[in-house]
Amino acid sequence: MLARGSRTVVSVGVPRPIRDRKPAPGRDDPFVMKAAATFGMLGAVAFGLPLLAAGLASPPLAAQEASGRQEAPDLQTPGLQSIWSDLLGAADAPDASVTLPADVDDPYDVVDEGWEPLKVGPFKVGGAFRINYIYKDWDDAYDWPGEFAFDTARVNVDLDEEASPIIGSFEYRYYQDKFADGHDYSMIHHAWLGRKLDDRQQVQAGVTKVPFGILPYASHNWFFQLPYYVGFEDDYDLGAKYIGDFAPWNFQAAYFPRDEGSYFGDSGDSARYSYDLVREGPNGNAERNQFNARLAYTLEPKEGFSTEVGVSVMVGGIENDNPQGGSGTRHAVAAHLVGNYDRWNLMLQAIHYEYDVNNDPNRDASPDGSFVVFGAYDASYYVASKATIYTAGLAYTLPVDWHRVTSLTFYNDFSLMAKHEGGFQDSLQNVVGFAVDAAPFYIYVDLAMGKYHPWLGGDWTTSLASGGYEDDWHTRFNVNIGLYF
């Protein structure tokens, strides 16, 4: 099923669910992919209710700072009782025998900090399994009362930073759409090795995060902000990066000869995590020779209060491999502010970008260069070649002592993409919600609204370019439940 309103399909397999989040392919090893598919189907049923219960079952007791929490006691509970205890906590386990530290009177004051990664020599092995509860006001497949769907499974391998100056991190992800019909895909999220030069400097090489704008994320919610969907939030490319943290200054610079590549999926070039220019169908543009620099300064007038202000710049080339295509250029600049004021967090950002392409008029989708073709999550769409994006996010974190729950974060994130091409409609996104930290679980509860947004009810192919014919606001209610280890 194509996204509602789609009229021009750029690649195979336009996704049903949203972002991080859903379409899919399968050129992987058959046994591995079938096993992962089975795990996804069974996991959505097996983990859904226990995960919700783990985060929300017990009543709140008292607010306290998360840093003051103690380690969980050992539970002497065999068999099924130990499983129940691990999911819902020792105090709710039937007939659990609990050994508490001598200075602890209330078992609810002893909160499990989560599951530690598995250590294998110098490596730390972890991962995550996530499911979604989804309701979309524009999609009959997710009509009221909504339904649960598999989100993603991932594996992480990190080098122990304390063991040596050699550092590194690897993450691989697998996705599948809600119908479990074999439409799935997988890709490298990041994969880099590096070296700590000293306590303040390091270098990284491989598929690593692009140093641009607010880091690590310009959002509080599960959906990110609009910059993510055009390659300017949580973006990863193949190259080398330098990080210098000379407080209060932080400087990062990087060179990326190319993007991170496409992996296992049904599309031609879009089975990737972060959005890039892609060569889908006859479209010939690809990212080449990108330079990034980011400079930030942090003011800390008193404990618990800080303000980071920063600027970022990106310049790069565009390679077109079509017969009548040629080289192009691209650039972007950003200014940002991140404020941490006790329990409040404020994030403000403005980004301006331009893509100057030299397209083949007989093959590329945009002969006049007014839009470019971007892809990720095994599907592609059009993006305006020139735009300015504004983002604003505000969050308040409430520490609690609520069984496993140690904090609740309430937030609202807004973003506007103002397109410069005449006749193109601006895109908007607003997400209001809250996050529940209940290690090893993390839960996002989001009400996401969008206009001219491919992932929020707009025309899939044209929403981020001309805007398309679907000009209504649409809403998606989403609960993402993640088990992290």
Foldseek 3Di string as FASTA:
>chain_A
DAFPQADDFQWPFHFDAFALFTTFFFPDDVVVLVVVLVCFVVCLVVPVVLLVCQQPVFDFDWFDAPVPAAAAFDKPDDDPLVVVCVSNNQVPRPPIDTDDPPPDDDNLSHAHPFDFFDDDPQKGKWWKWKKKFKAWPQDPVQHPPGGIAGTKIKMKIWGNVVPFQKTWIWMKMKHYHRVSPNGIAIDTLWTWIKGAPDPFKIKIFFWDFAPAADPPALADFPNGAVCQVVFGHSATAGWMKMWGPPPQKIKMKIWGQFGNWADGGRTDTFAYRTKFFGCGFLWFKGWGTKIKMKMKGKDDPDPQKIKIKIKMKMKTKIQGPDPQWGIWIKMKMKIWMWIGHNQKIKIKMKMWMATGTGTDCVGHPDNPQQWGWMHYPRGIAIAGRTWMKIKIKMKGKTATSGRLWGIKIWMKIKMKIGHDDPQADIKIKIKTWMWTHRYQKIKTWIKMKIALDLNRSFHNHDSNGRRHDRGDIIIMTMMMIMGID
